[in-house]
């Protein structure tokens, strides 16, 4: 399955998996850090999961998000 970047602003970036059952969101926090979350619905073939991390920069947030999209991709 593929992932598509569905939003990209200075403060928020979103990716959605093509089946619609998983989403990754990176957003800038009030403190200037970036919060990155993975949310996979229970209807997903591999079941539900949720993960959250805070990183120091937009680049780190994109790196974390891209790692999660690769880890949670299915054929």
PDB file of N, CA and C in Angstrom:
ATOM      1  N   UNK A   1       0.821  -1.167   0.000  1.00  0.00           N
ATOM      2  CA  UNK A   1       0.000   0.000   0.000  1.00  0.00           C
ATOM      3  C   UNK A   1       0.871   1.239   0.000  1.00  0.00           C
ATOM      4  N   UNK A   2       0.354   2.279  -0.517  1.00  0.00           N
ATOM      5  CA  UNK A   2       1.146   3.505  -0.559  1.00  0.00           C
ATOM      6  C   UNK A   2       0.627   4.513   0.464  1.00  0.00           C
ATOM      7  N   UNK A   3       1.471   5.475   0.755  1.00  0.00           N
ATOM      8  CA  UNK A   3       1.129   6.583   1.644  1.00  0.00           C
ATOM      9  C   UNK A   3       1.174   7.862   0.838  1.00  0.00           C
ATOM     10  N   UNK A   4       0.248   8.756   1.118  1.00  0.00           N
ATOM     11  CA  UNK A   4       0.192  10.045   0.436  1.00  0.00           C
ATOM     12  C   UNK A   4       0.251  11.163   1.473  1.00  0.00           C
ATOM     13  N   UNK A   5       1.051  12.175   1.172  1.00  0.00           N
ATOM     14  CA  UNK A   5       1.083  13.351   2.038  1.00  0.00           C
ATOM     15  C   UNK A   5      -0.156  14.165   1.714  1.00  0.00           C
ATOM     16  N   UNK A   6      -1.059  14.291   2.665  1.00  0.00           N
ATOM     17  CA  UNK A   6      -2.349  14.933   2.415  1.00  0.00           C
ATOM     18  C   UNK A   6      -2.412  16.368   2.916  1.00  0.00           C
ATOM     19  N   UNK A   7      -1.450  16.778   3.730  1.00  0.00           N
ATOM     20  CA  UNK A   7      -1.380  18.164   4.208  1.00  0.00           C
ATOM     21  C   UNK A   7       0.077  18.503   4.460  1.00  0.00           C
ATOM     22  N   UNK A   8       0.438  19.732   4.145  1.00  0.00           N
ATOM     23  CA  UNK A   8       1.813  20.164   4.380  1.00  0.00           C
ATOM     24  C   UNK A   8       1.833  21.679   4.535  1.00  0.00           C
ATOM     25  N   UNK A   9       1.833  22.116   5.787  1.00  0.00           N
ATOM     26  CA  UNK A   9       1.944  23.540   6.088  1.00  0.00           C
ATOM     27  C   UNK A   9       3.178  23.734   6.965  1.00  0.00           C
ATOM     28  N   UNK A  10       3.427  24.947   7.381  1.00  0.00           N
ATOM     29  CA  UNK A  10       4.588  25.198   8.236  1.00  0.00           C
ATOM     30  C   UNK A  10       4.432  24.582   9.623  1.00  0.00           C
ATOM     31  N   UNK A  11       3.202  24.297  10.023  1.00  0.00           N
ATOM     32  CA  UNK A  11       2.976  23.791  11.375  1.00  0.00           C
ATOM     33  C   UNK A  11       2.359  22.403  11.434  1.00  0.00           C
ATOM     34  N   UNK A  12       2.009  21.822  10.286  1.00  0.00           N
ATOM     35  CA  UNK A  12       1.339  20.510  10.294  1.00  0.00           C
ATOM     36  C   UNK A  12       1.607  19.769   8.987  1.00  0.00           C
ATOM     37  N   UNK A  13       1.917  18.478   9.119  1.00  0.00           N
ATOM     38  CA  UNK A  13       2.112  17.609   7.959  1.00  0.00           C
ATOM     39  C   UNK A  13       1.341  16.323   8.246  1.00  0.00           C
ATOM     40  N   UNK A  14       0.617  15.828   7.250  1.00  0.00           N
ATOM     41  CA  UNK A  14      -0.165  14.600   7.430  1.00  0.00           C
ATOM     42  C   UNK A  14       0.081  13.635   6.277  1.00  0.00           C
ATOM     43  N   UNK A  15       0.077  12.351   6.612  1.00  0.00           N
ATOM     44  CA  UNK A  15       0.165  11.278   5.635  1.00  0.00           C
ATOM     45  C   UNK A  15      -1.001  10.339   5.876  1.00  0.00           C
ATOM     46  N   UNK A  16      -1.580   9.813   4.794  1.00  0.00           N
ATOM     47  CA  UNK A  16      -2.647   8.824   4.935  1.00  0.00           C
ATOM     48  C   UNK A  16      -2.326   7.630   4.054  1.00  0.00           C
ATOM     49  N   UNK A  17      -2.541   6.443   4.607  1.00  0.00           N
ATOM     50  CA  UNK A  17      -2.325   5.217   3.844  1.00  0.00           C
ATOM     51  C   UNK A  17      -3.468   5.046   2.860  1.00  0.00           C
ATOM     52  N   UNK A  18      -3.176   4.460   1.713  1.00  0.00           N
ATOM     53  CA  UNK A  18      -4.162   4.395   0.630  1.00  0.00           C
ATOM     54  C   UNK A  18      -5.422   3.621   0.998  1.00  0.00           C
ATOM     55  N   UNK A  19      -5.375   2.729   1.991  1.00  0.00           N
ATOM     56  CA  UNK A  19      -6.594   2.035   2.394  1.00  0.00           C
ATOM     57  C   UNK A  19      -7.436   2.860   3.363  1.00  0.00           C
ATOM     58  N   UNK A  20      -6.896   4.002   3.813  1.00  0.00           N
ATOM     59  CA  UNK A  20      -7.626   4.882   4.706  1.00  0.00           C
ATOM     60  C   UNK A  20      -7.632   4.447   6.167  1.00  0.00           C
ATOM     61  N   UNK A  21      -6.948   3.356   6.494  1.00  0.00           N
ATOM     62  CA  UNK A  21      -6.970   2.828   7.852  1.00  0.00           C
ATOM     63  C   UNK A  21      -5.803   3.291   8.725  1.00  0.00           C
ATOM     64  N   UNK A  22      -4.895   4.079   8.186  1.00  0.00           N
ATOM     65  CA  UNK A  22      -3.756   4.542   8.980  1.00  0.00           C
ATOM     66  C   UNK A  22      -3.405   5.969   8.579  1.00  0.00           C
ATOM     67  N   UNK A  23      -2.963   6.725   9.586  1.00  0.00           N
ATOM     68  CA  UNK A  23      -2.610   8.131   9.372  1.00  0.00           C
ATOM     69  C   UNK A  23      -1.435   8.484  10.282  1.00  0.00           C
ATOM     70  N   UNK A  24      -0.532   9.296   9.764  1.00  0.00           N
ATOM     71  CA  UNK A  24       0.562   9.846  10.555  1.00  0.00           C
ATOM     72  C   UNK A  24       0.442  11.363  10.497  1.00  0.00           C
ATOM     73  N   UNK A  25       0.552  12.006  11.646  1.00  0.00           N
ATOM     74  CA  UNK A  25       0.457  13.464  11.735  1.00  0.00           C
ATOM     75  C   UNK A  25       1.672  13.990  12.474  1.00  0.00           C
ATOM     76  N   UNK A  26       2.291  15.023  11.913  1.00  0.00           N
ATOM     77  CA  UNK A  26       3.382  15.743  12.584  1.00  0.00           C
ATOM     78  C   UNK A  26       2.920  17.190  12.722  1.00  0.00           C
ATOM     79  N   UNK A  27       3.026  17.722  13.941  1.00  0.00           N
ATOM     80  CA  UNK A  27       2.591  19.104  14.140  1.00  0.00           C
ATOM     81  C   UNK A  27       3.536  19.812  15.104  1.00  0.00           C
ATOM     82  N   UNK A  28       3.714  21.091  14.855  1.00  0.00           N
ATOM     83  CA  UNK A  28       4.554  21.893  15.743  1.00  0.00           C
ATOM     84  C   UNK A  28       3.769  22.202  17.011  1.00  0.00           C
ATOM     85  N   UNK A  29       4.422  22.050  18.145  1.00  0.00           N
ATOM     86  CA  UNK A  29       3.777  22.305  19.426  1.00  0.00           C
ATOM     87  C   UNK A  29       3.992  23.761  19.837  1.00  0.00           C
ATOM     88  N   UNK A  30       3.311  24.167  20.885  1.00  0.00           N
ATOM     89  CA  UNK A  30       3.442  25.540  21.396  1.00  0.00           C
ATOM     90  C   UNK A  30       4.864  25.841  21.844  1.00  0.00           C
ATOM     91  N   UNK A  31       5.593  24.821  22.280  1.00  0.00           N
ATOM     92  CA  UNK A  31       6.976  25.027  22.736  1.00  0.00           C
ATOM     93  C   UNK A  31       7.977  25.064  21.584  1.00  0.00           C
ATOM     94  N   UNK A  32       7.515  24.767  20.363  1.00  0.00           N
ATOM     95  CA  UNK A  32       8.393  24.775  19.197  1.00  0.00           C
ATOM     96  C   UNK A  32       8.906  23.405  18.805  1.00  0.00           C
ATOM     97  N   UNK A  33       8.690  22.388  19.646  1.00  0.00           N
ATOM     98  CA  UNK A  33       9.031  21.020  19.277  1.00  0.00           C
ATOM     99  C   UNK A  33       8.001  20.505  18.277  1.00  0.00           C
ATOM    100  N   UNK A  34       8.196  19.287  17.830  1.00  0.00           N
ATOM    101  CA  UNK A  34       7.253  18.655  16.917  1.00  0.00           C
ATOM    102  C   UNK A  34       6.718  17.370  17.537  1.00  0.00           C
ATOM    103  N   UNK A  35       5.410  17.215  17.550  1.00  0.00           N
ATOM    104  CA  UNK A  35       4.746  15.998  18.008  1.00  0.00           C
ATOM    105  C   UNK A  35       4.381  15.173  16.783  1.00  0.00           C
ATOM    106  N   UNK A  36       4.738  13.903  16.814  1.00  0.00           N
ATOM    107  CA  UNK A  36       4.459  13.005  15.692  1.00  0.00           C
ATOM    108  C   UNK A  36       3.621  11.853  16.228  1.00  0.00           C
ATOM    109  N   UNK A  37       2.510  11.564  15.560  1.00  0.00           N
ATOM    110  CA  UNK A  37       1.665  10.465  16.006  1.00  0.00           C
ATOM    111  C   UNK A  37       1.283   9.561  14.842  1.00  0.00           C
ATOM    112  N   UNK A  38       1.156   8.294  15.168  1.00  0.00           N
ATOM    113  CA  UNK A  38       0.696   7.264  14.241  1.00  0.00           C
ATOM    114  C   UNK A  38      -0.608   6.734  14.796  1.00  0.00           C
ATOM    115  N   UNK A  39      -1.632   6.670  13.965  1.00  0.00           N
ATOM    116  CA  UNK A  39      -2.915   6.127  14.382  1.00  0.00           C
ATOM    117  C   UNK A  39      -3.393   5.156  13.312  1.00  0.00           C
ATOM    118  N   UNK A  40      -3.483   3.876  13.691  1.00  0.00           N
ATOM    119  CA  UNK A  40      -3.994   2.865  12.776  1.00  0.00           C
ATOM    120  C   UNK A  40      -5.276   2.316  13.387  1.00  0.00           C
ATOM    121  N   UNK A  41      -6.352   2.369  12.614  1.00  0.00           N
ATOM    122  CA  UNK A  41      -7.674   1.970  13.090  1.00  0.00           C
ATOM    123  C   UNK A  41      -7.772   0.465  13.330  1.00  0.00           C
ATOM    124  N   UNK A  42      -8.691   0.088  14.197  1.00  0.00           N
ATOM    125  CA  UNK A  42      -8.875  -1.340  14.478  1.00  0.00           C
ATOM    126  C   UNK A  42      -9.381  -2.106  13.262  1.00  0.00           C
ATOM    127  N   UNK A  43      -9.970  -1.417  12.284  1.00  0.00           N
ATOM    128  CA  UNK A  43     -10.433  -2.081  11.066  1.00  0.00           C
ATOM    129  C   UNK A  43      -9.288  -2.436  10.119  1.00  0.00           C
ATOM    130  N   UNK A  44      -8.095  -1.926  10.368  1.00  0.00           N
ATOM    131  CA  UNK A  44      -6.943  -2.217   9.513  1.00  0.00           C
ATOM    132  C   UNK A  44      -6.664  -3.718   9.531  1.00  0.00           C
ATOM    133  N   UNK A  45      -6.214  -4.266   8.401  1.00  0.00           N
ATOM    134  CA  UNK A  45      -5.957  -5.713   8.339  1.00  0.00           C
ATOM    135  C   UNK A  45      -5.017  -6.207   9.435  1.00  0.00           C
ATOM    136  N   UNK A  46      -4.060  -5.387   9.843  1.00  0.00           N
ATOM    137  CA  UNK A  46      -3.098  -5.807  10.859  1.00  0.00           C
ATOM    138  C   UNK A  46      -3.484  -5.329  12.263  1.00  0.00           C
ATOM    139  N   UNK A  47      -4.681  -4.755  12.416  1.00  0.00           N
ATOM    140  CA  UNK A  47      -5.172  -4.333  13.726  1.00  0.00           C
ATOM    141  C   UNK A  47      -4.776  -2.916  14.079  1.00  0.00           C
ATOM    142  N   UNK A  48      -5.274  -2.475  15.224  1.00  0.00           N
ATOM    143  CA  UNK A  48      -5.064  -1.091  15.627  1.00  0.00           C
ATOM    144  C   UNK A  48      -3.734  -0.900  16.353  1.00  0.00           C
ATOM    145  N   UNK A  49      -3.243   0.324  16.294  1.00  0.00           N
ATOM    146  CA  UNK A  49      -2.075   0.724  17.075  1.00  0.00           C
ATOM    147  C   UNK A  49      -2.041   2.243  17.156  1.00  0.00           C
ATOM    148  N   UNK A  50      -1.350   2.734  18.161  1.00  0.00           N
ATOM    149  CA  UNK A  50      -1.156   4.171  18.313  1.00  0.00           C
ATOM    150  C   UNK A  50       0.243   4.388  18.862  1.00  0.00           C
ATOM    151  N   UNK A  51       0.922   5.387  18.328  1.00  0.00           N
ATOM    152  CA  UNK A  51       2.251   5.749  18.828  1.00  0.00           C
ATOM    153  C   UNK A  51       2.379   7.264  18.784  1.00  0.00           C
ATOM    154  N   UNK A  52       3.187   7.799  19.688  1.00  0.00           N
ATOM    155  CA  UNK A  52       3.394   9.250  19.758  1.00  0.00           C
ATOM    156  C   UNK A  52       4.825   9.516  20.207  1.00  0.00           C
ATOM    157  N   UNK A  53       5.469  10.477  19.549  1.00  0.00           N
ATOM    158  CA  UNK A  53       6.813  10.901  19.930  1.00  0.00           C
ATOM    159  C   UNK A  53       6.919  12.401  19.775  1.00  0.00           C
ATOM    160  N   UNK A  54       7.764  13.011  20.578  1.00  0.00           N
ATOM    161  CA  UNK A  54       8.075  14.428  20.429  1.00  0.00           C
ATOM    162  C   UNK A  54       9.540  14.538  20.027  1.00  0.00           C
ATOM    163  N   UNK A  55       9.789  15.324  18.979  1.00  0.00           N
ATOM    164  CA  UNK A  55      11.148  15.523  18.472  1.00  0.00           C
ATOM    165  C   UNK A  55      11.427  17.013  18.377  1.00  0.00           C
ATOM    166  N   UNK A  56      12.679  17.364  18.146  1.00  0.00           N
ATOM    167  CA  UNK A  56      13.082  18.756  18.234  1.00  0.00           C
ATOM    168  C   UNK A  56      12.914  19.609  16.994  1.00  0.00           C
ATOM    169  N   UNK A  57      12.756  18.989  15.828  1.00  0.00           N
ATOM    170  CA  UNK A  57      12.706  19.802  14.605  1.00  0.00           C
ATOM    171  C   UNK A  57      11.743  19.199  13.584  1.00  0.00           C
ATOM    172  N   UNK A  58      11.399  20.020  12.607  1.00  0.00           N
ATOM    173  CA  UNK A  58      10.543  19.556  11.502  1.00  0.00           C
ATOM    174  C   UNK A  58      11.215  18.414  10.747  1.00  0.00           C
ATOM    175  N   UNK A  59      12.514  18.539  10.480  1.00  0.00           N
ATOM    176  CA  UNK A  59      13.231  17.475   9.768  1.00  0.00           C
ATOM    177  C   UNK A  59      13.180  16.161  10.539  1.00  0.00           C
ATOM    178  N   UNK A  60      13.377  16.227  11.866  1.00  0.00           N
ATOM    179  CA  UNK A  60      13.288  15.020  12.684  1.00  0.00           C
ATOM    180  C   UNK A  60      11.876  14.448  12.655  1.00  0.00           C
ATOM    181  N   UNK A  61      10.881  15.312  12.636  1.00  0.00           N
ATOM    182  CA  UNK A  61       9.490  14.862  12.579  1.00  0.00           C
ATOM    183  C   UNK A  61       9.213  14.141  11.260  1.00  0.00           C
ATOM    184  N   UNK A  62       9.687  14.691  10.165  1.00  0.00           N
ATOM    185  CA  UNK A  62       9.501  14.048   8.861  1.00  0.00           C
ATOM    186  C   UNK A  62      10.224  12.703   8.832  1.00  0.00           C
ATOM    187  N   UNK A  63      11.440  12.663   9.381  1.00  0.00           N
ATOM    188  CA  UNK A  63      12.181  11.391   9.428  1.00  0.00           C
ATOM    189  C   UNK A  63      11.408  10.332  10.214  1.00  0.00           C
ATOM    190  N   UNK A  64      10.882  10.693  11.386  1.00  0.00           N
ATOM    191  CA  UNK A  64      10.121   9.754  12.214  1.00  0.00           C
ATOM    192  C   UNK A  64       8.867   9.315  11.470  1.00  0.00           C
ATOM    193  N   UNK A  65       8.156  10.254  10.866  1.00  0.00           N
ATOM    194  CA  UNK A  65       6.931   9.934  10.137  1.00  0.00           C
ATOM    195  C   UNK A  65       7.215   8.996   8.968  1.00  0.00           C
ATOM    196  N   UNK A  66       8.266   9.257   8.226  1.00  0.00           N
ATOM    197  CA  UNK A  66       8.599   8.403   7.086  1.00  0.00           C
ATOM    198  C   UNK A  66       9.029   7.008   7.537  1.00  0.00           C
ATOM    199  N   UNK A  67       9.685   6.922   8.681  1.00  0.00           N
ATOM    200  CA  UNK A  67      10.039   5.603   9.219  1.00  0.00           C
ATOM    201  C   UNK A  67       8.772   4.838   9.587  1.00  0.00           C
ATOM    202  N   UNK A  68       7.818   5.515  10.233  1.00  0.00           N
ATOM    203  CA  UNK A  68       6.568   4.852  10.586  1.00  0.00           C
ATOM    204  C   UNK A  68       5.768   4.440   9.359  1.00  0.00           C
ATOM    205  N   UNK A  69       5.738   5.286   8.329  1.00  0.00           N
ATOM    206  CA  UNK A  69       4.987   4.893   7.132  1.00  0.00           C
ATOM    207  C   UNK A  69       5.612   3.658   6.491  1.00  0.00           C
ATOM    208  N   UNK A  70       6.936   3.567   6.518  1.00  0.00           N
ATOM    209  CA  UNK A  70       7.604   2.382   5.967  1.00  0.00           C
ATOM    210  C   UNK A  70       7.321   1.140   6.824  1.00  0.00           C
ATOM    211  N   UNK A  71       7.348   1.302   8.152  1.00  0.00           N
ATOM    212  CA  UNK A  71       7.104   0.181   9.060  1.00  0.00           C
ATOM    213  C   UNK A  71       5.666  -0.316   8.989  1.00  0.00           C
ATOM    214  N   UNK A  72       4.735   0.572   8.686  1.00  0.00           N
ATOM    215  CA  UNK A  72       3.314   0.220   8.723  1.00  0.00           C
ATOM    216  C   UNK A  72       2.684   0.183   7.324  1.00  0.00           C
ATOM    217  N   UNK A  73       3.519  -0.100   6.354  1.00  0.00           N
ATOM    218  CA  UNK A  73       3.048  -0.299   4.996  1.00  0.00           C
ATOM    219  C   UNK A  73       2.708  -1.782   4.836  1.00  0.00           C
ATOM    220  N   UNK A  74       1.709  -2.083   4.070  1.00  0.00           N
ATOM    221  CA  UNK A  74       1.377  -3.487   3.824  1.00  0.00           C
ATOM    222  C   UNK A  74       1.265  -3.700   2.333  1.00  0.00           C
ATOM    223  N   UNK A  75       1.498  -4.942   1.917  1.00  0.00           N
ATOM    224  CA  UNK A  75       1.432  -5.267   0.485  1.00  0.00           C
ATOM    225  C   UNK A  75       0.026  -5.557   0.041  1.00  0.00           C
TER     226      UNK A  75
END
